[in-house]
Amino acid sequence: MKQVVFHETGLPENVLHLEEIEKPTPAAKEALIRITARNINPSDMMFVQGLYGITPQLPSSAGFEASGVVEESATFPKGTRVMFTSVGTWKEYTCVPDAGLIPIPDGMTDEVACQAFVNPVTAYGMLETSCLQKGGSLLITAGASAWGKVVIQLAAMRGIHVIATVRQADQKQTLLDLGATAVIDVATDSLTKKVRDIFPEGVDYVFDAVGGDQGAKALNCLKTGGKMLVFGLLSQEPIPLNSGVLIFKKLSVEGWWLSSWWEELGSAGIQKAIKAVFSLLLSQEIKLDIQATYPLEQFKEAIIAYQTHGRTGKILLM
């Protein structure tokens, strides 16, 4: 079978290559999955560079999220369509614990299923963690990302006011159409001033995906007693925290990771989250954008497309 693999960490375009290996054999309580679609996320690129929270065990395949079809399993019938997360999904076959498989609902395409978990469930989980209610205010960075678009849509359904940041003016209208209260182009406008123009006392919550200076500026947009959830580091720079602001405004900064939140839910909470998110995807009340699809063999072209300035949708490997 084919897999995209790296033997050393580095820029994905430099260290990833295609190779032929033997098809894996599932262990007890594992399923053999034929992968049909893979979603390229920022975490995939950081993992290859050795910058993610999970350290690669080299050599390693890239990718964390995919959809596929069960080939062998003691739990699921052969042919069952499933979605899952696993280390190394940029390959034709993989073995995954049966307990980690989520059956794909009827009517959901592979293209949607392969990106139905990480970003939508992260958006849902962060909103659940915040306990924001109707009329609450939220600032999100990386508003034009796949995650950001889902947060905006979910928050709008709940009556939460969302201010989103972008780096390109032509991304504004799309986010406003999805339900954002306001969109700020941080390449040209002062984030703090624009937020204060809308919410003079500041916002209740910040969800930060960027880190660095933008994360610090977002923190300054919180009202007294406000809270920031940090879950990403797209800038690859830590947030320079202002101790005075934290102390005198009684602010809180907390890390948020999907894997940890998921483990804490319990079976009832997991079923509730899956039902809530998947029903919205199936009804298309939440829309996921796809810009282009590439066969696995064209992963280099897919990476170039992923890195293209101004990209508006997901890049998939099929």
Protein backbone atom coordinates (compact mmCIF):
# COMPACT_ATOMS: atom_id res chain seq x y z
CA MET A 1 0.00 0.00 0.00
CA LYS A 2 1.00 3.65 -0.37
CA GLN A 3 1.65 6.07 2.46
CA VAL A 4 3.01 9.59 2.80
CA VAL A 5 5.82 9.41 5.36
CA PHE A 6 8.58 11.49 6.94
CA HIS A 7 11.80 10.17 8.49
CA GLU A 8 12.82 13.49 10.01
CA THR A 9 10.93 16.58 11.09
CA GLY A 10 10.98 19.68 8.93
CA LEU A 11 8.93 21.63 6.44
CA PRO A 12 6.30 19.27 4.99
CA GLU A 13 7.22 20.13 1.40
CA ASN A 14 10.81 19.09 2.15
CA VAL A 15 10.53 15.97 4.32
CA LEU A 16 7.36 14.18 3.17
CA HIS A 17 7.58 11.52 0.48
CA LEU A 18 5.50 8.64 -0.90
CA GLU A 19 6.52 5.05 -0.25
CA GLU A 20 5.16 1.50 -0.60
CA ILE A 21 4.76 -0.63 2.55
CA GLU A 22 2.90 -3.77 3.59
CA LYS A 23 -0.77 -3.46 4.46
CA PRO A 24 -1.08 -3.50 8.28
CA THR A 25 -2.70 -6.32 10.25
CA PRO A 26 -5.16 -5.31 12.99
CA ALA A 27 -4.49 -6.40 16.57
CA ALA A 28 -7.19 -7.51 18.98
CA LYS A 29 -9.94 -4.88 19.35
CA GLU A 30 -8.65 -3.04 16.28
CA ALA A 31 -10.18 -2.52 12.86
CA LEU A 32 -8.46 -2.42 9.49
CA ILE A 33 -9.70 0.67 7.66
CA ARG A 34 -9.42 1.50 3.97
CA ILE A 35 -9.10 5.28 4.05
CA THR A 36 -11.23 7.17 1.54
CA ALA A 37 -10.70 10.86 2.47
CA ARG A 38 -8.32 12.92 4.56
CA ASN A 39 -8.56 16.51 5.74
CA ILE A 40 -5.46 18.72 5.96
CA ASN A 41 -5.43 20.65 9.25
CA PRO A 42 -2.85 23.08 10.72
CA SER A 43 -2.02 20.43 13.32
CA ASP A 44 -0.88 18.11 10.50
CA MET A 45 1.67 20.64 9.29
CA MET A 46 2.90 21.38 12.83
CA PHE A 47 3.22 17.66 13.59
CA VAL A 48 5.51 17.10 10.61
CA GLN A 49 7.67 19.99 11.80
CA GLY A 50 7.86 18.63 15.34
CA LEU A 51 5.94 21.63 16.68
CA TYR A 52 2.74 19.91 17.83
CA GLY A 53 1.86 18.60 21.28
CA ILE A 54 2.29 15.02 20.08
CA THR A 55 5.89 14.02 19.27
CA PRO A 56 6.28 12.00 16.04
CA GLN A 57 7.61 8.46 16.42
CA LEU A 58 9.80 8.38 13.33
CA PRO A 59 9.31 7.29 10.68
CA SER A 60 5.69 8.45 10.72
CA SER A 61 2.88 9.14 8.33
CA ALA A 62 1.23 12.57 8.45
CA GLY A 63 -2.38 13.45 9.16
CA PHE A 64 -4.75 13.03 12.10
CA GLU A 65 -8.29 12.97 10.67
CA ALA A 66 -9.95 10.79 8.03
CA SER A 67 -12.95 8.81 6.87
CA GLY A 68 -12.91 5.29 5.52
CA VAL A 69 -14.48 1.85 5.22
CA VAL A 70 -14.08 -1.08 7.61
CA GLU A 71 -12.22 -4.02 6.02
CA GLU A 72 -11.80 -6.15 9.15
CA SER A 73 -13.25 -5.74 12.65
CA ALA A 74 -14.72 -7.84 15.43
CA THR A 75 -17.11 -5.00 16.28
CA PHE A 76 -18.17 -3.39 12.99
CA PRO A 77 -19.46 -5.23 9.90
CA LYS A 78 -17.20 -5.12 6.87
CA GLY A 79 -18.17 -2.17 4.67
CA THR A 80 -19.22 0.10 7.55
CA ARG A 81 -18.33 3.70 6.74
CA VAL A 82 -16.51 5.36 9.63
CA MET A 83 -14.69 8.53 10.60
CA PHE A 84 -11.84 8.63 13.07
CA THR A 85 -8.76 10.41 14.35
CA SER A 86 -5.41 8.63 14.42
CA VAL A 87 -1.73 9.45 14.10
CA GLY A 88 -0.82 9.00 10.44
CA THR A 89 -3.85 9.03 8.13
CA TRP A 90 -2.06 9.93 4.90
CA LYS A 91 -1.98 6.32 3.79
CA GLU A 92 -4.27 3.86 2.02
CA TYR A 93 -4.93 1.59 5.02
CA THR A 94 -4.58 1.94 8.77
CA CYS A 95 -5.49 0.09 11.96
CA VAL A 96 -7.58 1.92 14.54
CA PRO A 97 -9.04 0.76 17.88
CA ASP A 98 -12.69 -0.17 17.41
CA ALA A 99 -13.55 2.14 20.31
CA GLY A 100 -12.20 5.12 18.35
CA LEU A 101 -14.43 4.66 15.30
CA ILE A 102 -17.54 6.77 14.69
CA PRO A 103 -20.02 5.40 12.12
CA ILE A 104 -20.77 7.92 9.38
CA PRO A 105 -24.46 8.85 9.29
CA ASP A 106 -26.44 8.02 6.15
CA GLY A 107 -26.40 10.97 3.79
CA MET A 108 -23.00 12.31 4.88
CA THR A 109 -20.36 12.24 2.15
CA ASP A 110 -16.76 11.14 2.71
CA GLU A 111 -15.68 14.71 1.95
CA VAL A 112 -17.73 16.04 4.85
CA ALA A 113 -17.10 13.07 7.16
CA CYS A 114 -13.31 13.42 6.97
CA GLN A 115 -13.59 16.93 8.44
CA ALA A 116 -16.69 16.45 10.59
CA PHE A 117 -14.90 15.84 13.84
CA VAL A 118 -11.87 17.99 14.67
CA ASN A 119 -13.05 21.49 13.72
CA PRO A 120 -16.83 21.17 14.25
CA VAL A 121 -16.50 19.33 17.56
CA THR A 122 -13.76 21.70 18.74
CA ALA A 123 -16.01 24.67 17.97
CA TYR A 124 -18.93 23.01 19.75
CA GLY A 125 -16.79 21.96 22.71
CA MET A 126 -15.28 25.39 23.24
CA LEU A 127 -18.71 27.01 23.22
CA GLU A 128 -19.94 24.41 25.70
CA THR A 129 -16.90 25.07 27.91
CA SER A 130 -17.51 28.83 27.83
CA CYS A 131 -21.16 28.49 28.91
CA LEU A 132 -21.86 31.68 26.92
CA GLN A 133 -25.56 32.43 26.69
CA LYS A 134 -27.73 34.51 24.37
CA GLY A 135 -26.47 38.07 24.33
CA GLY A 136 -22.93 37.08 25.36
CA SER A 137 -19.91 38.39 23.48
CA LEU A 138 -17.01 36.45 21.98
CA LEU A 139 -13.86 37.40 20.08
CA ILE A 140 -12.24 34.71 17.94
CA THR A 141 -8.92 34.89 16.11
CA ALA A 142 -8.42 33.11 12.75
CA GLY A 143 -12.04 33.79 11.93
CA ALA A 144 -11.76 32.67 8.31
CA SER A 145 -10.40 29.24 9.23
CA ALA A 146 -12.61 26.15 9.03
CA TRP A 147 -12.86 26.15 12.83
CA GLY A 148 -13.67 29.87 12.92
CA LYS A 149 -16.50 29.53 10.42
CA VAL A 150 -18.11 26.78 12.51
CA VAL A 151 -17.79 28.81 15.72
CA ILE A 152 -19.50 31.75 14.03
CA GLN A 153 -22.37 29.61 12.78
CA LEU A 154 -22.90 27.81 16.10
CA ALA A 155 -22.65 31.02 18.13
CA ALA A 156 -25.12 32.83 15.86
CA MET A 157 -27.64 30.02 16.45
CA ARG A 158 -27.26 30.60 20.19
CA GLY A 159 -27.63 34.38 19.95
CA ILE A 160 -24.00 35.03 20.90
CA HIS A 161 -22.30 38.09 19.42
CA VAL A 162 -19.08 37.09 17.64
CA ILE A 163 -16.28 39.39 16.52
CA ALA A 164 -13.86 37.59 14.21
CA THR A 165 -10.39 38.56 13.06
CA VAL A 166 -9.09 38.10 9.51
CA ARG A 167 -6.00 39.19 7.59
CA GLN A 168 -7.69 39.87 4.27
CA ALA A 169 -10.47 42.35 3.65
CA ASP A 170 -12.14 40.10 1.07
CA GLN A 171 -12.87 37.52 3.80
CA LYS A 172 -15.10 39.88 5.76
CA GLN A 173 -18.39 39.49 3.93
CA THR A 174 -18.30 35.69 4.03
CA LEU A 175 -18.06 35.73 7.81
CA LEU A 176 -20.73 38.39 8.16
CA ASP A 177 -23.01 36.24 6.01
CA LEU A 178 -22.37 33.30 8.37
CA GLY A 179 -23.59 35.38 11.31
CA ALA A 180 -20.60 37.29 12.68
CA THR A 181 -21.50 40.54 14.44
CA ALA A 182 -18.34 42.19 13.14
CA VAL A 183 -15.15 41.23 11.32
CA ILE A 184 -11.86 43.03 11.91
CA ASP A 185 -8.98 43.00 9.42
CA VAL A 186 -6.00 42.95 11.77
CA ALA A 187 -3.67 43.70 8.85
CA THR A 188 -5.06 47.24 8.63
CA ASP A 189 -7.13 47.97 11.76
CA SER A 190 -6.46 48.20 15.49
CA LEU A 191 -8.05 45.13 17.08
CA THR A 192 -8.45 46.68 20.51
CA LYS A 193 -9.97 49.93 19.21
CA LYS A 194 -12.42 48.18 16.89
CA VAL A 195 -13.59 45.82 19.64
CA ARG A 196 -14.02 48.72 22.08
CA ASP A 197 -16.08 50.60 19.50
CA ILE A 198 -18.57 47.70 19.58
CA PHE A 199 -18.25 46.57 23.21
CA PRO A 200 -16.88 49.50 25.25
CA GLU A 201 -16.33 47.34 28.35
CA GLY A 202 -14.76 44.51 26.35
CA VAL A 203 -15.94 41.02 25.43
CA ASP A 204 -16.86 38.16 27.75
CA TYR A 205 -14.65 35.55 26.10
CA VAL A 206 -11.80 35.11 23.63
CA PHE A 207 -11.05 31.92 21.69
CA ASP A 208 -7.49 32.20 20.41
CA ALA A 209 -6.07 30.07 17.60
CA VAL A 210 -3.11 32.28 16.71
CA GLY A 211 -1.00 33.13 19.76
CA GLY A 212 1.85 35.64 19.49
CA ASP A 213 1.14 39.36 19.41
CA GLN A 214 -2.38 38.86 18.09
CA GLY A 215 -3.18 36.66 21.08
CA ALA A 216 -1.87 39.39 23.40
CA LYS A 217 -4.00 42.02 21.69
CA ALA A 218 -7.03 39.75 21.90
CA LEU A 219 -6.45 39.33 25.64
CA ASN A 220 -6.61 43.11 26.02
CA CYS A 221 -10.09 43.05 24.51
CA LEU A 222 -11.58 41.15 27.45
CA LYS A 223 -13.84 42.86 29.97
CA THR A 224 -13.01 42.67 33.66
CA GLY A 225 -13.35 39.05 34.78
CA GLY A 226 -13.20 37.80 31.19
CA LYS A 227 -11.58 34.59 30.03
CA MET A 228 -9.47 33.41 27.10
CA LEU A 229 -9.38 29.84 25.85
CA VAL A 230 -6.15 29.12 23.95
CA PHE A 231 -6.25 26.12 21.62
CA GLY A 232 -3.95 26.95 18.70
CA LEU A 233 -0.63 28.51 17.81
CA LEU A 234 -0.86 29.37 14.12
CA SER A 235 1.74 32.10 14.54
CA GLN A 236 4.09 29.57 16.16
CA GLU A 237 4.88 32.29 18.70
CA PRO A 238 3.91 32.22 22.40
CA ILE A 239 1.56 34.87 23.77
CA PRO A 240 3.48 37.64 25.62
CA LEU A 241 1.16 37.92 28.61
CA ASN A 242 0.77 41.29 30.35
CA SER A 243 0.80 40.47 34.08
CA GLY A 244 -0.71 43.83 35.00
CA VAL A 245 -3.70 43.30 32.73
CA LEU A 246 -4.24 39.81 34.15
CA ILE A 247 -4.03 41.03 37.74
CA PHE A 248 -6.04 44.23 37.67
CA LYS A 249 -8.76 43.00 35.31
CA LYS A 250 -9.01 39.56 36.97
CA LEU A 251 -8.55 37.80 33.64
CA SER A 252 -8.15 34.07 33.12
CA VAL A 253 -6.21 32.27 30.40
CA GLU A 254 -6.81 28.54 29.96
CA GLY A 255 -5.55 25.97 27.48
CA TRP A 256 -8.14 23.91 25.62
CA TRP A 257 -7.46 20.66 23.74
CA LEU A 258 -10.11 18.55 22.03
CA SER A 259 -8.61 15.23 23.15
CA SER A 260 -8.68 16.20 26.82
CA TRP A 261 -12.20 17.62 26.65
CA TRP A 262 -13.45 14.51 24.81
CA GLU A 263 -12.01 12.15 27.44
CA GLU A 264 -13.74 14.10 30.21
CA LEU A 265 -17.19 13.95 28.59
CA GLY A 266 -18.08 10.36 29.36
CA SER A 267 -20.26 8.20 27.11
CA ALA A 268 -23.43 10.27 27.58
CA GLY A 269 -21.61 13.52 26.86
CA ILE A 270 -19.94 12.06 23.79
CA GLN A 271 -23.24 10.90 22.36
CA LYS A 272 -24.77 14.31 23.03
CA ALA A 273 -21.91 16.09 21.25
CA ILE A 274 -21.96 13.75 18.25
CA LYS A 275 -25.73 14.05 17.88
CA ALA A 276 -25.66 17.83 18.14
CA VAL A 277 -22.84 18.37 15.64
CA PHE A 278 -23.75 15.69 13.11
CA SER A 279 -27.41 16.70 12.95
CA LEU A 280 -26.39 20.25 12.06
CA LEU A 281 -23.97 19.01 9.39
CA LEU A 282 -26.55 16.68 7.85
CA SER A 283 -29.20 19.42 7.76
CA GLN A 284 -26.55 21.79 6.36
CA GLU A 285 -27.35 24.31 9.07
CA ILE A 286 -23.56 24.23 9.47
CA LYS A 287 -21.68 24.37 6.19
CA LEU A 288 -18.12 23.17 5.64
CA ASP A 289 -16.19 24.67 2.73
CA ILE A 290 -14.09 22.49 0.42
CA GLN A 291 -11.74 24.24 -1.96
CA ALA A 292 -10.08 21.31 -3.72
CA THR A 293 -9.43 17.57 -3.56
CA TYR A 294 -6.29 15.70 -4.59
CA PRO A 295 -5.41 12.01 -4.83
CA LEU A 296 -2.99 10.82 -2.16
CA GLU A 297 -0.20 10.59 -4.72
CA GLN A 298 -0.51 14.34 -5.35
CA PHE A 299 0.10 15.30 -1.72
CA LYS A 300 2.79 17.81 -2.73
CA GLU A 301 0.32 19.70 -4.92
CA ALA A 302 -2.20 19.51 -2.06
CA ILE A 303 0.30 21.07 0.35
CA ILE A 304 0.97 23.89 -2.10
CA ALA A 305 -2.78 24.49 -2.39
CA TYR A 306 -3.10 24.40 1.40
CA GLN A 307 -0.40 27.04 1.76
CA THR A 308 -1.83 29.30 -0.95
CA HIS A 309 -2.57 32.82 0.28
CA GLY A 310 -6.29 33.56 0.28
CA ARG A 311 -7.50 29.97 0.42
CA THR A 312 -11.18 29.88 1.42
CA GLY A 313 -11.90 26.17 1.92
CA LYS A 314 -10.42 22.87 3.01
CA ILE A 315 -7.92 20.90 0.96
CA LEU A 316 -8.65 17.17 0.98
CA LEU A 317 -6.60 14.10 0.05
CA MET A 318 -8.82 11.41 -1.44
